[in-house]
Amino acid sequence: MITQVMLLTAFLLSPVLFFLSALSPLLFESFLPEKWHGSAVYFQLMCLAGLFNPIASINLNVLRVKGYSNIVFYIGVVKKALAIAVFICTLPYGITEVIVGQIAVSIIGYVPNAYYSTKLLNYSIPTQLSDFLPSFVLSGVIASMIFWLQYVLDWRPIYELASLGLIAAMLYLAVASLLNLKPYQFAFHFFNRRFNNLRFIP
């Protein structure tokens, strides 16, 4: 069950966060006043900071369901303490450093979650990586491409945003299908079953 949730979450969430991060300059130019445009970099970093949180939460929720609430509590205390310590250390240096610090915390915080999933649920770290890394890598590569294209095209921001967003989504699905990635296979069959079930409801 945890493998299925991990596959689906990674396949759906990775492109959303990576593409939002890549397209954030266009988002800010299209929908916010000029004085806010400089804040796009913070939004980019916050999207990246959020990448590992859902993956870590899946591990914690499964541990909680399996009756290991005490371990979930201790992991939560350690992660909160680490986040506060990193925040205090990075605060004097500026907002960018604070967000980068939280990205590091989210990556480090994944480790104890994955460790206990390995020990207690027999869901090893290499297996977890094989489940979500393909979606991460593919999303990251496509996001890098559309980020670069923003500086090549000279269209109105809203047109660039719509065009590049659509291209990114179509390319992601096309490449995932062409490579027959495991997350794509599961997501395709998952939504196909849901669609068929809905279609036959009287």
N, C-alpha and C. Protein backbone atom coordinates (compact mmCIF):
# COMPACT_ATOMS: atom_id res chain seq x y z
N MET A 1 0.82 -1.21 0.00
CA MET A 1 0.00 0.00 0.00
C MET A 1 0.86 1.27 0.00
N ILE A 2 1.90 1.29 0.84
CA ILE A 2 2.75 2.48 0.93
C ILE A 2 3.47 2.74 -0.40
N THR A 3 3.84 1.65 -1.09
CA THR A 3 4.50 1.81 -2.39
C THR A 3 3.56 2.49 -3.39
N GLN A 4 2.31 2.09 -3.39
CA GLN A 4 1.35 2.67 -4.31
C GLN A 4 1.12 4.16 -4.02
N VAL A 5 1.00 4.49 -2.74
CA VAL A 5 0.81 5.89 -2.37
C VAL A 5 2.03 6.71 -2.74
N MET A 6 3.23 6.16 -2.52
CA MET A 6 4.46 6.86 -2.85
C MET A 6 4.55 7.11 -4.36
N LEU A 7 4.24 6.11 -5.15
CA LEU A 7 4.30 6.24 -6.60
C LEU A 7 3.36 7.32 -7.10
N LEU A 8 2.13 7.29 -6.62
CA LEU A 8 1.12 8.23 -7.08
C LEU A 8 1.45 9.65 -6.63
N THR A 9 1.86 9.80 -5.38
CA THR A 9 2.20 11.12 -4.85
C THR A 9 3.37 11.72 -5.61
N ALA A 10 4.41 10.93 -5.81
CA ALA A 10 5.59 11.43 -6.52
C ALA A 10 5.25 11.81 -7.95
N PHE A 11 4.46 10.98 -8.62
CA PHE A 11 4.14 11.24 -10.03
C PHE A 11 3.31 12.51 -10.20
N LEU A 12 2.39 12.78 -9.27
CA LEU A 12 1.52 13.94 -9.39
C LEU A 12 2.14 15.20 -8.81
N LEU A 13 2.84 15.06 -7.69
CA LEU A 13 3.32 16.25 -6.98
C LEU A 13 4.61 16.80 -7.55
N SER A 14 5.50 15.92 -7.98
CA SER A 14 6.81 16.38 -8.49
C SER A 14 6.68 17.39 -9.62
N PRO A 15 5.90 17.10 -10.67
CA PRO A 15 5.80 18.09 -11.75
C PRO A 15 5.14 19.39 -11.30
N VAL A 16 4.15 19.29 -10.42
CA VAL A 16 3.48 20.51 -9.96
C VAL A 16 4.47 21.45 -9.28
N LEU A 17 5.26 20.93 -8.34
CA LEU A 17 6.19 21.78 -7.60
C LEU A 17 7.36 22.24 -8.46
N PHE A 18 7.91 21.33 -9.27
CA PHE A 18 9.03 21.73 -10.13
C PHE A 18 8.59 22.75 -11.17
N PHE A 19 7.43 22.54 -11.79
CA PHE A 19 6.98 23.45 -12.83
C PHE A 19 6.57 24.81 -12.24
N LEU A 20 5.94 24.79 -11.07
CA LEU A 20 5.63 26.05 -10.40
C LEU A 20 6.90 26.83 -10.09
N SER A 21 7.91 26.11 -9.64
CA SER A 21 9.19 26.76 -9.34
C SER A 21 9.80 27.38 -10.60
N ALA A 22 9.79 26.62 -11.69
CA ALA A 22 10.37 27.10 -12.95
C ALA A 22 9.59 28.28 -13.54
N LEU A 23 8.27 28.25 -13.39
CA LEU A 23 7.42 29.27 -14.01
C LEU A 23 7.08 30.44 -13.07
N SER A 24 7.65 30.42 -11.88
CA SER A 24 7.28 31.45 -10.91
C SER A 24 7.56 32.88 -11.39
N PRO A 25 8.67 33.16 -12.11
CA PRO A 25 8.83 34.53 -12.61
C PRO A 25 7.67 34.98 -13.50
N LEU A 26 7.19 34.07 -14.36
CA LEU A 26 6.07 34.40 -15.23
C LEU A 26 4.77 34.54 -14.43
N LEU A 27 4.59 33.71 -13.42
CA LEU A 27 3.41 33.81 -12.56
C LEU A 27 3.35 35.18 -11.88
N PHE A 28 4.47 35.60 -11.35
CA PHE A 28 4.51 36.88 -10.64
C PHE A 28 4.33 38.05 -11.61
N GLU A 29 4.93 37.95 -12.80
CA GLU A 29 4.79 39.03 -13.79
C GLU A 29 3.36 39.11 -14.32
N SER A 30 2.69 37.96 -14.40
CA SER A 30 1.34 37.92 -14.98
C SER A 30 0.26 38.37 -14.01
N PHE A 31 0.43 38.09 -12.72
CA PHE A 31 -0.68 38.28 -11.79
C PHE A 31 -0.39 39.21 -10.62
N LEU A 32 0.85 39.68 -10.48
CA LEU A 32 1.17 40.54 -9.33
C LEU A 32 1.82 41.84 -9.80
N PRO A 33 1.69 42.89 -9.00
CA PRO A 33 2.34 44.17 -9.36
C PRO A 33 3.86 44.02 -9.43
N GLU A 34 4.49 44.98 -10.09
CA GLU A 34 5.92 44.89 -10.35
C GLU A 34 6.74 44.82 -9.06
N LYS A 35 6.26 45.46 -8.00
CA LYS A 35 7.03 45.49 -6.75
C LYS A 35 7.20 44.09 -6.14
N TRP A 36 6.35 43.14 -6.57
CA TRP A 36 6.42 41.78 -6.03
C TRP A 36 7.28 40.85 -6.89
N HIS A 37 7.71 41.30 -8.06
CA HIS A 37 8.40 40.41 -8.99
C HIS A 37 9.69 39.82 -8.41
N GLY A 38 10.37 40.61 -7.59
CA GLY A 38 11.61 40.13 -6.99
C GLY A 38 11.42 39.00 -6.00
N SER A 39 10.17 38.81 -5.56
CA SER A 39 9.88 37.74 -4.59
C SER A 39 9.73 36.38 -5.25
N ALA A 40 9.78 36.34 -6.57
CA ALA A 40 9.60 35.07 -7.28
C ALA A 40 10.63 34.03 -6.85
N VAL A 41 11.86 34.50 -6.57
CA VAL A 41 12.92 33.56 -6.17
C VAL A 41 12.58 32.87 -4.86
N TYR A 42 11.88 33.58 -3.96
CA TYR A 42 11.49 32.95 -2.69
C TYR A 42 10.44 31.87 -2.93
N PHE A 43 9.53 32.16 -3.84
CA PHE A 43 8.51 31.17 -4.18
C PHE A 43 9.15 29.94 -4.82
N GLN A 44 10.15 30.16 -5.67
CA GLN A 44 10.86 29.05 -6.28
C GLN A 44 11.47 28.14 -5.22
N LEU A 45 12.15 28.75 -4.27
CA LEU A 45 12.81 27.98 -3.22
C LEU A 45 11.80 27.27 -2.33
N MET A 46 10.66 27.92 -2.06
CA MET A 46 9.64 27.29 -1.22
C MET A 46 9.04 26.07 -1.90
N CYS A 47 8.89 26.13 -3.22
CA CYS A 47 8.41 24.95 -3.96
C CYS A 47 9.38 23.79 -3.81
N LEU A 48 10.68 24.10 -3.93
CA LEU A 48 11.68 23.06 -3.78
C LEU A 48 11.72 22.52 -2.35
N ALA A 49 11.50 23.41 -1.39
CA ALA A 49 11.48 22.99 0.01
C ALA A 49 10.34 22.01 0.28
N GLY A 50 9.27 22.14 -0.48
CA GLY A 50 8.10 21.28 -0.25
C GLY A 50 8.17 19.93 -0.91
N LEU A 51 9.23 19.66 -1.67
CA LEU A 51 9.29 18.41 -2.43
C LEU A 51 9.34 17.17 -1.54
N PHE A 52 10.14 17.22 -0.48
CA PHE A 52 10.33 16.03 0.34
C PHE A 52 9.30 15.90 1.45
N ASN A 53 8.58 16.98 1.75
CA ASN A 53 7.63 16.92 2.87
C ASN A 53 6.53 15.88 2.67
N PRO A 54 5.87 15.82 1.51
CA PRO A 54 4.82 14.80 1.33
C PRO A 54 5.37 13.37 1.41
N ILE A 55 6.59 13.17 0.86
CA ILE A 55 7.19 11.84 0.91
C ILE A 55 7.45 11.43 2.36
N ALA A 56 7.98 12.38 3.13
CA ALA A 56 8.23 12.10 4.55
C ALA A 56 6.93 11.86 5.30
N SER A 57 5.90 12.63 4.95
CA SER A 57 4.61 12.49 5.64
C SER A 57 3.97 11.12 5.38
N ILE A 58 4.16 10.60 4.17
CA ILE A 58 3.62 9.28 3.85
C ILE A 58 4.22 8.23 4.78
N ASN A 59 5.55 8.29 4.96
CA ASN A 59 6.20 7.35 5.87
C ASN A 59 5.65 7.47 7.28
N LEU A 60 5.49 8.71 7.75
CA LEU A 60 4.99 8.93 9.11
C LEU A 60 3.56 8.44 9.28
N ASN A 61 2.72 8.72 8.30
CA ASN A 61 1.32 8.30 8.40
C ASN A 61 1.18 6.78 8.42
N VAL A 62 1.99 6.11 7.63
CA VAL A 62 1.93 4.65 7.63
C VAL A 62 2.42 4.11 8.97
N LEU A 63 3.49 4.70 9.51
CA LEU A 63 3.96 4.28 10.83
C LEU A 63 2.87 4.49 11.89
N ARG A 64 2.16 5.60 11.77
CA ARG A 64 1.08 5.90 12.73
C ARG A 64 -0.04 4.87 12.61
N VAL A 65 -0.41 4.54 11.38
CA VAL A 65 -1.48 3.56 11.15
C VAL A 65 -1.08 2.19 11.68
N LYS A 66 0.21 1.87 11.57
CA LYS A 66 0.70 0.56 12.03
C LYS A 66 0.88 0.50 13.55
N GLY A 67 0.59 1.60 14.24
CA GLY A 67 0.65 1.59 15.69
C GLY A 67 1.95 2.07 16.30
N TYR A 68 2.79 2.75 15.50
CA TYR A 68 4.06 3.25 16.01
C TYR A 68 3.99 4.76 16.30
N SER A 69 2.94 5.17 17.00
CA SER A 69 2.73 6.59 17.27
C SER A 69 3.84 7.19 18.12
N ASN A 70 4.42 6.39 19.00
CA ASN A 70 5.51 6.90 19.85
C ASN A 70 6.72 7.28 19.01
N ILE A 71 7.03 6.48 17.99
CA ILE A 71 8.16 6.79 17.11
C ILE A 71 7.86 8.05 16.29
N VAL A 72 6.62 8.15 15.82
CA VAL A 72 6.21 9.34 15.06
C VAL A 72 6.37 10.59 15.91
N PHE A 73 6.02 10.49 17.19
CA PHE A 73 6.13 11.63 18.10
C PHE A 73 7.59 12.06 18.26
N TYR A 74 8.48 11.10 18.51
CA TYR A 74 9.89 11.43 18.72
C TYR A 74 10.53 11.99 17.45
N ILE A 75 10.17 11.42 16.32
CA ILE A 75 10.69 11.95 15.05
C ILE A 75 10.23 13.40 14.86
N GLY A 76 8.95 13.65 15.17
CA GLY A 76 8.42 15.00 15.04
C GLY A 76 9.13 16.00 15.93
N VAL A 77 9.43 15.59 17.17
CA VAL A 77 10.14 16.48 18.10
C VAL A 77 11.53 16.81 17.57
N VAL A 78 12.24 15.79 17.11
CA VAL A 78 13.60 16.00 16.59
C VAL A 78 13.57 16.91 15.37
N LYS A 79 12.62 16.69 14.47
CA LYS A 79 12.55 17.51 13.25
C LYS A 79 12.19 18.95 13.56
N LYS A 80 11.27 19.17 14.51
CA LYS A 80 10.92 20.53 14.89
C LYS A 80 12.10 21.24 15.52
N ALA A 81 12.83 20.53 16.39
CA ALA A 81 14.00 21.12 17.03
C ALA A 81 15.06 21.49 15.99
N LEU A 82 15.26 20.60 15.01
CA LEU A 82 16.22 20.87 13.95
C LEU A 82 15.79 22.07 13.12
N ALA A 83 14.50 22.14 12.78
CA ALA A 83 13.99 23.25 11.98
C ALA A 83 14.17 24.58 12.71
N ILE A 84 13.90 24.59 14.00
CA ILE A 84 14.05 25.82 14.79
C ILE A 84 15.52 26.23 14.88
N ALA A 85 16.39 25.24 15.11
CA ALA A 85 17.82 25.54 15.21
C ALA A 85 18.37 26.11 13.90
N VAL A 86 17.97 25.49 12.78
CA VAL A 86 18.42 25.98 11.47
C VAL A 86 17.86 27.37 11.19
N PHE A 87 16.59 27.60 11.57
CA PHE A 87 15.98 28.91 11.38
C PHE A 87 16.75 29.99 12.15
N ILE A 88 17.08 29.70 13.40
CA ILE A 88 17.80 30.67 14.23
C ILE A 88 19.19 30.96 13.65
N CYS A 89 19.84 29.90 13.15
CA CYS A 89 21.18 30.07 12.60
C CYS A 89 21.20 30.83 11.27
N THR A 90 20.15 30.65 10.47
CA THR A 90 20.14 31.28 9.14
C THR A 90 19.46 32.64 9.12
N LEU A 91 18.66 32.95 10.14
CA LEU A 91 17.90 34.20 10.15
C LEU A 91 18.76 35.44 9.98
N PRO A 92 19.92 35.53 10.62
CA PRO A 92 20.72 36.76 10.45
C PRO A 92 21.21 36.99 9.03
N TYR A 93 21.18 35.96 8.19
CA TYR A 93 21.76 36.08 6.85
C TYR A 93 20.73 36.47 5.79
N GLY A 94 19.43 36.39 6.09
CA GLY A 94 18.43 36.81 5.13
C GLY A 94 17.40 35.74 4.81
N ILE A 95 16.37 36.15 4.07
CA ILE A 95 15.26 35.25 3.78
C ILE A 95 15.70 34.07 2.90
N THR A 96 16.54 34.35 1.90
CA THR A 96 16.98 33.28 1.01
C THR A 96 17.69 32.17 1.80
N GLU A 97 18.56 32.57 2.71
CA GLU A 97 19.30 31.59 3.51
C GLU A 97 18.35 30.80 4.42
N VAL A 98 17.32 31.48 4.95
CA VAL A 98 16.34 30.79 5.79
C VAL A 98 15.62 29.69 4.99
N ILE A 99 15.20 30.03 3.78
CA ILE A 99 14.47 29.04 2.96
C ILE A 99 15.39 27.91 2.54
N VAL A 100 16.64 28.24 2.16
CA VAL A 100 17.60 27.19 1.80
C VAL A 100 17.84 26.27 3.00
N GLY A 101 17.91 26.86 4.19
CA GLY A 101 18.06 26.06 5.39
C GLY A 101 16.90 25.11 5.60
N GLN A 102 15.68 25.57 5.30
CA GLN A 102 14.51 24.71 5.45
C GLN A 102 14.48 23.61 4.38
N ILE A 103 15.04 23.90 3.21
CA ILE A 103 15.17 22.84 2.20
C ILE A 103 16.07 21.73 2.74
N ALA A 104 17.20 22.14 3.34
CA ALA A 104 18.11 21.16 3.93
C ALA A 104 17.42 20.38 5.04
N VAL A 105 16.61 21.05 5.85
CA VAL A 105 15.89 20.38 6.94
C VAL A 105 14.92 19.34 6.38
N SER A 106 14.21 19.70 5.30
CA SER A 106 13.24 18.76 4.73
C SER A 106 13.93 17.53 4.17
N ILE A 107 15.13 17.70 3.59
CA ILE A 107 15.88 16.55 3.07
C ILE A 107 16.41 15.70 4.22
N ILE A 108 17.00 16.36 5.22
CA ILE A 108 17.53 15.63 6.38
C ILE A 108 16.40 14.94 7.14
N GLY A 109 15.24 15.62 7.24
CA GLY A 109 14.11 15.06 7.97
C GLY A 109 13.53 13.82 7.32
N TYR A 110 13.80 13.64 6.04
CA TYR A 110 13.32 12.44 5.36
C TYR A 110 14.06 11.19 5.85
N VAL A 111 15.31 11.36 6.26
CA VAL A 111 16.16 10.21 6.59
C VAL A 111 15.59 9.37 7.74
N PRO A 112 15.26 9.96 8.92
CA PRO A 112 14.71 9.10 9.98
C PRO A 112 13.38 8.45 9.61
N ASN A 113 12.55 9.16 8.84
CA ASN A 113 11.30 8.55 8.40
C ASN A 113 11.56 7.30 7.56
N ALA A 114 12.48 7.46 6.61
CA ALA A 114 12.80 6.34 5.73
C ALA A 114 13.49 5.22 6.50
N TYR A 115 14.30 5.58 7.49
CA TYR A 115 15.00 4.56 8.29
C TYR A 115 14.00 3.66 9.02
N TYR A 116 13.02 4.27 9.68
CA TYR A 116 12.06 3.47 10.43
C TYR A 116 11.11 2.70 9.50
N SER A 117 10.86 3.26 8.32
CA SER A 117 10.07 2.50 7.34
C SER A 117 10.83 1.25 6.91
N THR A 118 12.17 1.37 6.82
CA THR A 118 12.99 0.22 6.47
C THR A 118 12.97 -0.83 7.58
N LYS A 119 13.14 -0.36 8.82
CA LYS A 119 13.24 -1.28 9.95
C LYS A 119 11.90 -1.93 10.31
N LEU A 120 10.82 -1.14 10.25
CA LEU A 120 9.54 -1.61 10.78
C LEU A 120 8.55 -2.03 9.70
N LEU A 121 8.68 -1.48 8.52
CA LEU A 121 7.70 -1.77 7.46
C LEU A 121 8.32 -2.52 6.28
N ASN A 122 9.61 -2.77 6.37
CA ASN A 122 10.32 -3.48 5.29
C ASN A 122 10.22 -2.74 3.96
N TYR A 123 10.25 -1.40 4.05
CA TYR A 123 10.20 -0.56 2.85
C TYR A 123 11.52 0.21 2.79
N SER A 124 12.52 -0.37 2.15
CA SER A 124 13.88 0.12 2.22
C SER A 124 14.06 1.45 1.49
N ILE A 125 15.13 2.14 1.87
CA ILE A 125 15.44 3.43 1.23
C ILE A 125 15.70 3.27 -0.27
N PRO A 126 16.49 2.24 -0.71
CA PRO A 126 16.66 2.07 -2.17
C PRO A 126 15.33 1.85 -2.89
N THR A 127 14.41 1.12 -2.26
CA THR A 127 13.10 0.90 -2.89
C THR A 127 12.33 2.21 -2.98
N GLN A 128 12.39 3.02 -1.91
CA GLN A 128 11.71 4.31 -1.92
C GLN A 128 12.29 5.21 -3.01
N LEU A 129 13.62 5.22 -3.10
CA LEU A 129 14.26 6.06 -4.12
C LEU A 129 13.85 5.62 -5.53
N SER A 130 13.76 4.30 -5.74
CA SER A 130 13.35 3.82 -7.06
C SER A 130 11.90 4.16 -7.36
N ASP A 131 11.11 4.40 -6.30
CA ASP A 131 9.70 4.75 -6.50
C ASP A 131 9.52 6.22 -6.87
N PHE A 132 10.27 7.11 -6.19
CA PHE A 132 9.98 8.53 -6.44
C PHE A 132 11.04 9.29 -7.24
N LEU A 133 12.27 8.76 -7.32
CA LEU A 133 13.30 9.49 -8.05
C LEU A 133 13.02 9.65 -9.55
N PRO A 134 12.46 8.64 -10.24
CA PRO A 134 12.17 8.86 -11.66
C PRO A 134 11.28 10.07 -11.91
N SER A 135 10.26 10.25 -11.09
CA SER A 135 9.37 11.41 -11.24
C SER A 135 10.12 12.70 -10.92
N PHE A 136 10.96 12.67 -9.88
CA PHE A 136 11.74 13.84 -9.50
C PHE A 136 12.68 14.26 -10.63
N VAL A 137 13.42 13.29 -11.15
CA VAL A 137 14.42 13.60 -12.17
C VAL A 137 13.77 14.11 -13.45
N LEU A 138 12.74 13.43 -13.91
CA LEU A 138 12.06 13.85 -15.14
C LEU A 138 11.47 15.25 -14.97
N SER A 139 10.81 15.49 -13.85
CA SER A 139 10.22 16.80 -13.59
C SER A 139 11.30 17.89 -13.54
N GLY A 140 12.42 17.58 -12.88
CA GLY A 140 13.50 18.55 -12.77
C GLY A 140 14.11 18.90 -14.10
N VAL A 141 14.30 17.91 -14.97
CA VAL A 141 14.88 18.16 -16.29
C VAL A 141 13.95 19.03 -17.13
N ILE A 142 12.66 18.70 -17.14
CA ILE A 142 11.70 19.48 -17.93
C ILE A 142 11.57 20.89 -17.35
N ALA A 143 11.56 21.01 -16.02
CA ALA A 143 11.48 22.33 -15.39
C ALA A 143 12.68 23.19 -15.78
N SER A 144 13.86 22.59 -15.85
CA SER A 144 15.06 23.34 -16.27
C SER A 144 14.91 23.84 -17.70
N MET A 145 14.33 23.01 -18.56
CA MET A 145 14.13 23.40 -19.96
C MET A 145 13.18 24.58 -20.08
N ILE A 146 12.04 24.52 -19.38
CA ILE A 146 11.07 25.61 -19.53
C ILE A 146 11.56 26.88 -18.82
N PHE A 147 12.38 26.72 -17.79
CA PHE A 147 12.98 27.90 -17.15
C PHE A 147 13.91 28.61 -18.12
N TRP A 148 14.70 27.84 -18.86
CA TRP A 148 15.61 28.42 -19.85
C TRP A 148 14.84 29.05 -21.00
N LEU A 149 13.75 28.42 -21.42
CA LEU A 149 12.97 28.93 -22.55
C LEU A 149 12.36 30.30 -22.27
N GLN A 150 12.12 30.61 -21.00
CA GLN A 150 11.56 31.93 -20.65
C GLN A 150 12.46 33.06 -21.12
N TYR A 151 13.77 32.79 -21.15
CA TYR A 151 14.73 33.83 -21.52
C TYR A 151 15.03 33.81 -23.01
N VAL A 152 14.48 32.84 -23.72
CA VAL A 152 14.63 32.76 -25.17
C VAL A 152 13.42 33.40 -25.85
N LEU A 153 12.24 33.13 -25.33
CA LEU A 153 11.01 33.67 -25.90
C LEU A 153 10.84 35.14 -25.51
N ASP A 154 10.16 35.86 -26.35
CA ASP A 154 9.91 37.28 -26.07
C ASP A 154 8.42 37.56 -26.24
N TRP A 155 7.59 36.79 -25.56
CA TRP A 155 6.15 36.96 -25.62
C TRP A 155 5.66 37.67 -24.37
N ARG A 156 4.37 37.98 -24.37
CA ARG A 156 3.77 38.51 -23.15
C ARG A 156 3.82 37.43 -22.07
N PRO A 157 4.09 37.81 -20.82
CA PRO A 157 4.25 36.81 -19.76
C PRO A 157 3.10 35.82 -19.65
N ILE A 158 1.86 36.29 -19.81
CA ILE A 158 0.72 35.40 -19.66
C ILE A 158 0.69 34.35 -20.77
N TYR A 159 1.12 34.73 -21.98
CA TYR A 159 1.16 33.78 -23.09
C TYR A 159 2.29 32.76 -22.88
N GLU A 160 3.43 33.26 -22.41
CA GLU A 160 4.53 32.35 -22.11
C GLU A 160 4.14 31.37 -21.02
N LEU A 161 3.47 31.87 -19.99
CA LEU A 161 3.06 31.03 -18.87
C LEU A 161 2.14 29.91 -19.33
N ALA A 162 1.12 30.27 -20.12
CA ALA A 162 0.17 29.26 -20.60
C ALA A 162 0.84 28.26 -21.54
N SER A 163 1.67 28.77 -22.46
CA SER A 163 2.30 27.90 -23.45
C SER A 163 3.31 26.96 -22.81
N LEU A 164 4.18 27.51 -21.98
CA LEU A 164 5.22 26.69 -21.37
C LEU A 164 4.63 25.71 -20.35
N GLY A 165 3.59 26.14 -19.64
CA GLY A 165 2.94 25.22 -18.70
C GLY A 165 2.33 24.03 -19.43
N LEU A 166 1.67 24.30 -20.55
CA LEU A 166 1.06 23.23 -21.34
C LEU A 166 2.12 22.32 -21.95
N ILE A 167 3.18 22.92 -22.48
CA ILE A 167 4.28 22.13 -23.06
C ILE A 167 4.91 21.23 -22.00
N ALA A 168 5.13 21.79 -20.81
CA ALA A 168 5.77 21.02 -19.73
C ALA A 168 4.91 19.82 -19.34
N ALA A 169 3.60 20.05 -19.18
CA ALA A 169 2.70 18.97 -18.77
C ALA A 169 2.65 17.87 -19.84
N MET A 170 2.52 18.28 -21.11
CA MET A 170 2.44 17.29 -22.19
C MET A 170 3.75 16.53 -22.35
N LEU A 171 4.86 17.24 -22.22
CA LEU A 171 6.16 16.59 -22.35
C LEU A 171 6.41 15.61 -21.21
N TYR A 172 5.97 15.99 -20.02
CA TYR A 172 6.13 15.11 -18.85
C TYR A 172 5.38 13.80 -19.06
N LEU A 173 4.13 13.90 -19.48
CA LEU A 173 3.34 12.69 -19.71
C LEU A 173 3.88 11.87 -20.88
N ALA A 174 4.31 12.56 -21.92
CA ALA A 174 4.80 11.86 -23.11
C ALA A 174 6.09 11.09 -22.81
N VAL A 175 7.03 11.73 -22.13
CA VAL A 175 8.30 11.08 -21.83
C VAL A 175 8.10 9.95 -20.82
N ALA A 176 7.25 10.20 -19.81
CA ALA A 176 6.97 9.15 -18.82
C ALA A 176 6.35 7.93 -19.49
N SER A 177 5.47 8.17 -20.45
CA SER A 177 4.85 7.07 -21.19
C SER A 177 5.87 6.37 -22.08
N LEU A 178 6.69 7.16 -22.78
CA LEU A 178 7.69 6.60 -23.69
C LEU A 178 8.70 5.73 -22.95
N LEU A 179 9.12 6.20 -21.76
CA LEU A 179 10.09 5.45 -20.95
C LEU A 179 9.42 4.36 -20.12
N ASN A 180 8.08 4.38 -20.13
CA ASN A 180 7.31 3.39 -19.36
C ASN A 180 7.72 3.37 -17.89
N LEU A 181 7.79 4.58 -17.32
CA LEU A 181 8.22 4.70 -15.93
C LEU A 181 7.21 4.03 -14.99
N LYS A 182 7.72 3.45 -13.94
CA LYS A 182 6.87 2.75 -12.97
C LYS A 182 5.80 3.67 -12.37
N PRO A 183 6.15 4.90 -11.96
CA PRO A 183 5.11 5.80 -11.43
C PRO A 183 4.02 6.10 -12.46
N TYR A 184 4.43 6.27 -13.73
CA TYR A 184 3.43 6.52 -14.78
C TYR A 184 2.51 5.32 -14.95
N GLN A 185 3.07 4.12 -14.96
CA GLN A 185 2.25 2.91 -15.12
C GLN A 185 1.19 2.84 -14.03
N PHE A 186 1.63 3.06 -12.78
CA PHE A 186 0.68 2.94 -11.68
C PHE A 186 -0.38 4.04 -11.76
N ALA A 187 0.04 5.28 -12.03
CA ALA A 187 -0.92 6.39 -12.10
C ALA A 187 -1.92 6.16 -13.23
N PHE A 188 -1.44 5.68 -14.37
CA PHE A 188 -2.33 5.42 -15.50
C PHE A 188 -3.39 4.38 -15.13
N HIS A 189 -2.96 3.27 -14.55
CA HIS A 189 -3.91 2.21 -14.19
C HIS A 189 -4.84 2.66 -13.06
N PHE A 190 -4.31 3.46 -12.15
CA PHE A 190 -5.12 3.95 -11.03
C PHE A 190 -6.28 4.81 -11.54
N PHE A 191 -5.96 5.79 -12.38
CA PHE A 191 -7.02 6.68 -12.87
C PHE A 191 -7.90 5.99 -13.89
N ASN A 192 -7.36 5.04 -14.62
CA ASN A 192 -8.18 4.29 -15.56
C ASN A 192 -9.24 3.47 -14.83
N ARG A 193 -8.85 2.84 -13.71
CA ARG A 193 -9.82 2.08 -12.91
C ARG A 193 -10.88 3.01 -12.33
N ARG A 194 -10.44 4.18 -11.82
CA ARG A 194 -11.40 5.12 -11.24
C ARG A 194 -12.39 5.61 -12.28
N PHE A 195 -11.90 5.88 -13.48
CA PHE A 195 -12.76 6.37 -14.56
C PHE A 195 -13.77 5.29 -14.97
N ASN A 196 -13.30 4.06 -15.07
CA ASN A 196 -14.19 2.96 -15.46
C ASN A 196 -15.25 2.73 -14.39
N ASN A 197 -14.87 2.84 -13.12
CA ASN A 197 -15.83 2.66 -12.03
C ASN A 197 -16.90 3.73 -12.06
N LEU A 198 -16.49 4.99 -12.34
CA LEU A 198 -17.46 6.08 -12.41
C LEU A 198 -18.38 5.93 -13.59
N ARG A 199 -17.83 5.44 -14.69
CA ARG A 199 -18.61 5.34 -15.93
C ARG A 199 -19.75 4.34 -15.78
N PHE A 200 -19.54 3.30 -14.96
CA PHE A 200 -20.56 2.27 -14.83
C PHE A 200 -21.49 2.49 -13.64
N ILE A 201 -21.33 3.63 -12.95
CA ILE A 201 -22.25 3.93 -11.87
C ILE A 201 -23.59 4.39 -12.48
N PRO A 202 -24.71 3.76 -12.15
CA PRO A 202 -26.00 4.13 -12.78
C PRO A 202 -26.44 5.52 -12.35
